Protein backbone atom coordinates (compact mmCIF):
# COMPACT_ATOMS: atom_id res chain seq x y z
CA UNK A 1 0.00 0.00 0.00
CA UNK A 2 2.84 2.39 0.72
CA UNK A 3 0.81 4.51 3.13
CA UNK A 4 2.64 4.36 6.45
CA UNK A 5 0.65 5.70 9.36
CA UNK A 6 1.04 5.64 13.10
CA UNK A 7 -1.65 4.62 15.59
CA UNK A 8 -1.63 5.25 19.33
CA UNK A 9 -3.75 2.77 21.31
CA UNK A 10 -4.62 4.16 24.75
CA UNK A 11 -6.42 1.97 27.29
CA UNK A 12 -5.76 0.97 30.88
CA UNK A 13 -6.80 -2.58 29.93
CA UNK A 14 -3.83 -4.47 28.51
CA UNK A 15 -6.25 -6.91 26.84
CA UNK A 16 -8.04 -4.05 25.04
CA UNK A 17 -4.69 -2.66 23.83
CA UNK A 18 -3.68 -6.10 22.53
CA UNK A 19 -7.02 -6.53 20.73
CA UNK A 20 -6.89 -3.13 19.02
CA UNK A 21 -3.20 -3.50 18.13
CA UNK A 22 -3.96 -6.89 16.59
CA UNK A 23 -6.80 -5.42 14.50
CA UNK A 24 -4.60 -2.59 13.22
CA UNK A 25 -1.57 -4.78 12.45
CA UNK A 26 -3.75 -7.43 10.81
CA UNK A 27 -4.99 -4.95 8.20
CA UNK A 28 -2.09 -2.49 8.13
CA UNK A 29 1.09 -4.49 8.84
CA UNK A 30 3.32 -1.61 7.68
CA UNK A 31 1.81 0.85 10.19
CA UNK A 32 3.45 1.65 13.50
CA UNK A 33 1.41 1.02 16.65
CA UNK A 34 2.24 2.70 19.95
CA UNK A 35 0.52 1.87 23.23
CA UNK A 36 -0.22 3.82 26.39
CA UNK A 37 -2.08 2.83 29.58
CA UNK A 38 -3.51 6.28 30.38
CA UNK A 39 -3.94 9.77 29.01
CA UNK A 40 -0.68 11.12 30.42
CA UNK A 41 1.31 8.28 28.83
CA UNK A 42 -0.49 9.02 25.55
CA UNK A 43 0.60 12.66 25.67
CA UNK A 44 4.18 11.60 26.42
CA UNK A 45 4.17 9.23 23.41
CA UNK A 46 2.64 11.89 21.15
CA UNK A 47 5.32 14.41 22.14
CA UNK A 48 8.07 12.20 20.71
CA UNK A 49 6.27 10.45 17.82
CA UNK A 50 4.23 11.53 14.81
CA UNK A 51 0.77 10.07 15.49
CA UNK A 52 -2.00 9.93 12.86
CA UNK A 53 -4.75 8.07 14.75
CA UNK A 54 -5.58 7.61 18.43
CA UNK A 55 -8.02 5.14 19.98
CA UNK A 56 -8.65 6.58 23.41
CA UNK A 57 -10.44 4.83 26.27
CA UNK A 58 -12.71 7.19 28.20
CA UNK A 59 -12.25 5.95 31.77
CA UNK A 60 -8.62 5.51 32.83
CA UNK A 61 -6.57 6.27 35.93
CA UNK A 62 -4.19 9.26 36.02
CA UNK A 63 -5.87 11.06 33.07
CA UNK A 64 -9.10 10.19 31.25
CA UNK A 65 -9.55 10.13 27.52
CA UNK A 66 -11.51 13.38 27.52
CA UNK A 67 -8.80 15.08 29.57
CA UNK A 68 -6.06 13.86 27.21
CA UNK A 69 -7.83 14.60 23.91
CA UNK A 70 -7.43 18.42 23.93
CA UNK A 71 -3.72 18.10 24.75
CA UNK A 72 -3.23 15.54 21.98
CA UNK A 73 -4.97 17.90 19.54
CA UNK A 74 -2.74 20.77 20.71
CA UNK A 75 0.31 18.65 19.86
CA UNK A 76 -1.08 17.73 16.44
CA UNK A 77 -4.28 19.42 15.19
CA UNK A 78 -4.51 16.90 12.30
CA UNK A 79 -4.59 13.86 14.58
CA UNK A 80 -7.74 11.77 14.29
CA UNK A 81 -9.08 10.63 17.67
CA UNK A 82 -11.80 8.13 18.56
CA UNK A 83 -13.09 7.83 22.10
CA UNK A 84 -13.93 4.27 23.18
CA UNK A 85 -16.56 3.66 25.83
CA UNK A 86 -19.55 1.45 26.53
CA UNK A 87 -21.61 4.11 28.28
CA UNK A 88 -21.72 7.49 26.59
CA UNK A 89 -23.58 10.27 28.36
CA UNK A 90 -24.93 13.40 26.69
CA UNK A 91 -22.29 15.58 28.40
CA UNK A 92 -19.56 13.32 26.99
CA UNK A 93 -21.15 13.49 23.52
CA UNK A 94 -21.19 17.28 23.73
CA UNK A 95 -17.50 17.44 24.69
CA UNK A 96 -16.62 15.08 21.83
CA UNK A 97 -18.55 17.24 19.36
CA UNK A 98 -16.74 20.39 20.56
CA UNK A 99 -13.36 18.64 20.18
CA UNK A 100 -14.28 17.05 16.84
CA UNK A 101 -13.45 13.51 17.90
CA UNK A 102 -15.11 10.25 16.86
CA UNK A 103 -16.79 7.60 18.99
CA UNK A 104 -16.28 3.82 18.92
CA UNK A 105 -18.78 1.97 21.13
CA UNK A 106 -17.49 -0.89 23.24
CA UNK A 107 -17.28 -3.83 22.90
CA UNK A 108 -14.48 -3.37 20.40
CA UNK A 109 -14.73 -5.08 17.02
CA UNK A 110 -12.52 -5.15 13.98
CA UNK A 111 -15.20 -3.53 11.84
CA UNK A 112 -15.55 -0.56 14.22
CA UNK A 113 -11.81 0.06 14.48
CA UNK A 114 -11.19 -0.36 10.74
CA UNK A 115 -14.06 2.01 9.91
CA UNK A 116 -12.43 4.67 12.12
CA UNK A 117 -9.06 4.10 10.41
CA UNK A 118 -10.65 4.55 6.98
CA UNK A 119 -10.07 0.99 5.78
CA UNK A 120 -12.70 1.15 3.00
CA UNK A 121 -11.33 4.44 1.65
CA UNK A 122 -7.76 3.12 1.69
CA UNK A 123 -8.73 -0.21 0.13
CA UNK A 124 -10.69 1.49 -2.68
CA UNK A 125 -7.68 3.70 -3.49
CA UNK A 126 -5.48 0.68 -4.21
C-alpha atoms as a PDB file:
ATOM      1  CA  UNK A   1       0.000   0.000   0.000  1.00  0.00           C
ATOM      2  CA  UNK A   2       2.838   2.390   0.723  1.00  0.00           C
ATOM      3  CA  UNK A   3       0.812   4.511   3.133  1.00  0.00           C
ATOM      4  CA  UNK A   4       2.636   4.355   6.447  1.00  0.00           C
ATOM      5  CA  UNK A   5       0.652   5.702   9.364  1.00  0.00           C
ATOM      6  CA  UNK A   6       1.044   5.641  13.104  1.00  0.00           C
ATOM      7  CA  UNK A   7      -1.648   4.618  15.589  1.00  0.00           C
ATOM      8  CA  UNK A   8      -1.633   5.254  19.327  1.00  0.00           C
ATOM      9  CA  UNK A   9      -3.751   2.772  21.306  1.00  0.00           C
ATOM     10  CA  UNK A  10      -4.623   4.155  24.747  1.00  0.00           C
ATOM     11  CA  UNK A  11      -6.422   1.971  27.285  1.00  0.00           C
ATOM     12  CA  UNK A  12      -5.757   0.966  30.878  1.00  0.00           C
ATOM     13  CA  UNK A  13      -6.804  -2.581  29.934  1.00  0.00           C
ATOM     14  CA  UNK A  14      -3.833  -4.474  28.509  1.00  0.00           C
ATOM     15  CA  UNK A  15      -6.252  -6.906  26.839  1.00  0.00           C
ATOM     16  CA  UNK A  16      -8.038  -4.051  25.041  1.00  0.00           C
ATOM     17  CA  UNK A  17      -4.692  -2.662  23.830  1.00  0.00           C
ATOM     18  CA  UNK A  18      -3.681  -6.096  22.535  1.00  0.00           C
ATOM     19  CA  UNK A  19      -7.023  -6.527  20.727  1.00  0.00           C
ATOM     20  CA  UNK A  20      -6.890  -3.129  19.018  1.00  0.00           C
ATOM     21  CA  UNK A  21      -3.200  -3.497  18.128  1.00  0.00           C
ATOM     22  CA  UNK A  22      -3.961  -6.894  16.587  1.00  0.00           C
ATOM     23  CA  UNK A  23      -6.802  -5.419  14.502  1.00  0.00           C
ATOM     24  CA  UNK A  24      -4.601  -2.590  13.223  1.00  0.00           C
ATOM     25  CA  UNK A  25      -1.572  -4.778  12.452  1.00  0.00           C
ATOM     26  CA  UNK A  26      -3.750  -7.429  10.809  1.00  0.00           C
ATOM     27  CA  UNK A  27      -4.994  -4.950   8.200  1.00  0.00           C
ATOM     28  CA  UNK A  28      -2.090  -2.492   8.129  1.00  0.00           C
ATOM     29  CA  UNK A  29       1.093  -4.491   8.839  1.00  0.00           C
ATOM     30  CA  UNK A  30       3.317  -1.610   7.679  1.00  0.00           C
ATOM     31  CA  UNK A  31       1.808   0.847  10.187  1.00  0.00           C
ATOM     32  CA  UNK A  32       3.453   1.648  13.504  1.00  0.00           C
ATOM     33  CA  UNK A  33       1.405   1.019  16.645  1.00  0.00           C
ATOM     34  CA  UNK A  34       2.244   2.701  19.947  1.00  0.00           C
ATOM     35  CA  UNK A  35       0.519   1.870  23.228  1.00  0.00           C
ATOM     36  CA  UNK A  36      -0.222   3.817  26.389  1.00  0.00           C
ATOM     37  CA  UNK A  37      -2.078   2.829  29.576  1.00  0.00           C
ATOM     38  CA  UNK A  38      -3.513   6.277  30.377  1.00  0.00           C
ATOM     39  CA  UNK A  39      -3.939   9.773  29.009  1.00  0.00           C
ATOM     40  CA  UNK A  40      -0.677  11.115  30.425  1.00  0.00           C
ATOM     41  CA  UNK A  41       1.308   8.279  28.831  1.00  0.00           C
ATOM     42  CA  UNK A  42      -0.493   9.024  25.550  1.00  0.00           C
ATOM     43  CA  UNK A  43       0.599  12.660  25.667  1.00  0.00           C
ATOM     44  CA  UNK A  44       4.179  11.597  26.423  1.00  0.00           C
ATOM     45  CA  UNK A  45       4.175   9.234  23.410  1.00  0.00           C
ATOM     46  CA  UNK A  46       2.639  11.892  21.150  1.00  0.00           C
ATOM     47  CA  UNK A  47       5.317  14.412  22.141  1.00  0.00           C
ATOM     48  CA  UNK A  48       8.071  12.201  20.710  1.00  0.00           C
ATOM     49  CA  UNK A  49       6.271  10.452  17.819  1.00  0.00           C
ATOM     50  CA  UNK A  50       4.231  11.534  14.812  1.00  0.00           C
ATOM     51  CA  UNK A  51       0.767  10.070  15.488  1.00  0.00           C
ATOM     52  CA  UNK A  52      -1.996   9.929  12.861  1.00  0.00           C
ATOM     53  CA  UNK A  53      -4.749   8.071  14.748  1.00  0.00           C
ATOM     54  CA  UNK A  54      -5.584   7.606  18.431  1.00  0.00           C
ATOM     55  CA  UNK A  55      -8.017   5.141  19.980  1.00  0.00           C
ATOM     56  CA  UNK A  56      -8.652   6.576  23.412  1.00  0.00           C
ATOM     57  CA  UNK A  57     -10.438   4.828  26.267  1.00  0.00           C
ATOM     58  CA  UNK A  58     -12.710   7.188  28.200  1.00  0.00           C
ATOM     59  CA  UNK A  59     -12.246   5.948  31.771  1.00  0.00           C
ATOM     60  CA  UNK A  60      -8.620   5.507  32.827  1.00  0.00           C
ATOM     61  CA  UNK A  61      -6.573   6.267  35.934  1.00  0.00           C
ATOM     62  CA  UNK A  62      -4.191   9.262  36.021  1.00  0.00           C
ATOM     63  CA  UNK A  63      -5.870  11.057  33.075  1.00  0.00           C
ATOM     64  CA  UNK A  64      -9.101  10.195  31.254  1.00  0.00           C
ATOM     65  CA  UNK A  65      -9.553  10.128  27.518  1.00  0.00           C
ATOM     66  CA  UNK A  66     -11.511  13.375  27.523  1.00  0.00           C
ATOM     67  CA  UNK A  67      -8.804  15.081  29.569  1.00  0.00           C
ATOM     68  CA  UNK A  68      -6.063  13.859  27.209  1.00  0.00           C
ATOM     69  CA  UNK A  69      -7.834  14.602  23.907  1.00  0.00           C
ATOM     70  CA  UNK A  70      -7.430  18.416  23.932  1.00  0.00           C
ATOM     71  CA  UNK A  71      -3.721  18.097  24.754  1.00  0.00           C
ATOM     72  CA  UNK A  72      -3.229  15.545  21.979  1.00  0.00           C
ATOM     73  CA  UNK A  73      -4.967  17.900  19.545  1.00  0.00           C
ATOM     74  CA  UNK A  74      -2.735  20.768  20.707  1.00  0.00           C
ATOM     75  CA  UNK A  75       0.314  18.649  19.856  1.00  0.00           C
ATOM     76  CA  UNK A  76      -1.084  17.732  16.436  1.00  0.00           C
ATOM     77  CA  UNK A  77      -4.285  19.424  15.188  1.00  0.00           C
ATOM     78  CA  UNK A  78      -4.512  16.902  12.304  1.00  0.00           C
ATOM     79  CA  UNK A  79      -4.589  13.865  14.582  1.00  0.00           C
ATOM     80  CA  UNK A  80      -7.742  11.765  14.289  1.00  0.00           C
ATOM     81  CA  UNK A  81      -9.085  10.630  17.671  1.00  0.00           C
ATOM     82  CA  UNK A  82     -11.797   8.127  18.564  1.00  0.00           C
ATOM     83  CA  UNK A  83     -13.090   7.830  22.104  1.00  0.00           C
ATOM     84  CA  UNK A  84     -13.928   4.273  23.181  1.00  0.00           C
ATOM     85  CA  UNK A  85     -16.559   3.655  25.827  1.00  0.00           C
ATOM     86  CA  UNK A  86     -19.545   1.448  26.534  1.00  0.00           C
ATOM     87  CA  UNK A  87     -21.607   4.107  28.280  1.00  0.00           C
ATOM     88  CA  UNK A  88     -21.722   7.491  26.592  1.00  0.00           C
ATOM     89  CA  UNK A  89     -23.578  10.275  28.358  1.00  0.00           C
ATOM     90  CA  UNK A  90     -24.927  13.403  26.689  1.00  0.00           C
ATOM     91  CA  UNK A  91     -22.285  15.585  28.402  1.00  0.00           C
ATOM     92  CA  UNK A  92     -19.560  13.319  26.987  1.00  0.00           C
ATOM     93  CA  UNK A  93     -21.147  13.488  23.525  1.00  0.00           C
ATOM     94  CA  UNK A  94     -21.194  17.279  23.727  1.00  0.00           C
ATOM     95  CA  UNK A  95     -17.496  17.438  24.690  1.00  0.00           C
ATOM     96  CA  UNK A  96     -16.622  15.078  21.826  1.00  0.00           C
ATOM     97  CA  UNK A  97     -18.553  17.243  19.362  1.00  0.00           C
ATOM     98  CA  UNK A  98     -16.740  20.387  20.559  1.00  0.00           C
ATOM     99  CA  UNK A  99     -13.361  18.637  20.183  1.00  0.00           C
ATOM    100  CA  UNK A 100     -14.280  17.051  16.840  1.00  0.00           C
ATOM    101  CA  UNK A 101     -13.450  13.507  17.903  1.00  0.00           C
ATOM    102  CA  UNK A 102     -15.111  10.254  16.865  1.00  0.00           C
ATOM    103  CA  UNK A 103     -16.793   7.596  18.986  1.00  0.00           C
ATOM    104  CA  UNK A 104     -16.284   3.821  18.923  1.00  0.00           C
ATOM    105  CA  UNK A 105     -18.778   1.966  21.125  1.00  0.00           C
ATOM    106  CA  UNK A 106     -17.491  -0.892  23.241  1.00  0.00           C
ATOM    107  CA  UNK A 107     -17.280  -3.832  22.900  1.00  0.00           C
ATOM    108  CA  UNK A 108     -14.480  -3.371  20.396  1.00  0.00           C
ATOM    109  CA  UNK A 109     -14.731  -5.085  17.020  1.00  0.00           C
ATOM    110  CA  UNK A 110     -12.518  -5.148  13.977  1.00  0.00           C
ATOM    111  CA  UNK A 111     -15.201  -3.527  11.842  1.00  0.00           C
ATOM    112  CA  UNK A 112     -15.550  -0.562  14.216  1.00  0.00           C
ATOM    113  CA  UNK A 113     -11.806   0.057  14.484  1.00  0.00           C
ATOM    114  CA  UNK A 114     -11.191  -0.357  10.740  1.00  0.00           C
ATOM    115  CA  UNK A 115     -14.064   2.013   9.914  1.00  0.00           C
ATOM    116  CA  UNK A 116     -12.430   4.667  12.124  1.00  0.00           C
ATOM    117  CA  UNK A 117      -9.064   4.105  10.406  1.00  0.00           C
ATOM    118  CA  UNK A 118     -10.652   4.552   6.981  1.00  0.00           C
ATOM    119  CA  UNK A 119     -10.072   0.988   5.784  1.00  0.00           C
ATOM    120  CA  UNK A 120     -12.700   1.148   3.004  1.00  0.00           C
ATOM    121  CA  UNK A 121     -11.328   4.441   1.654  1.00  0.00           C
ATOM    122  CA  UNK A 122      -7.756   3.124   1.694  1.00  0.00           C
ATOM    123  CA  UNK A 123      -8.733  -0.210   0.126  1.00  0.00           C
ATOM    124  CA  UNK A 124     -10.687   1.492  -2.679  1.00  0.00           C
ATOM    125  CA  UNK A 125      -7.678   3.698  -3.492  1.00  0.00           C
ATOM    126  CA  UNK A 126      -5.478   0.677  -4.212  1.00  0.00           C
END
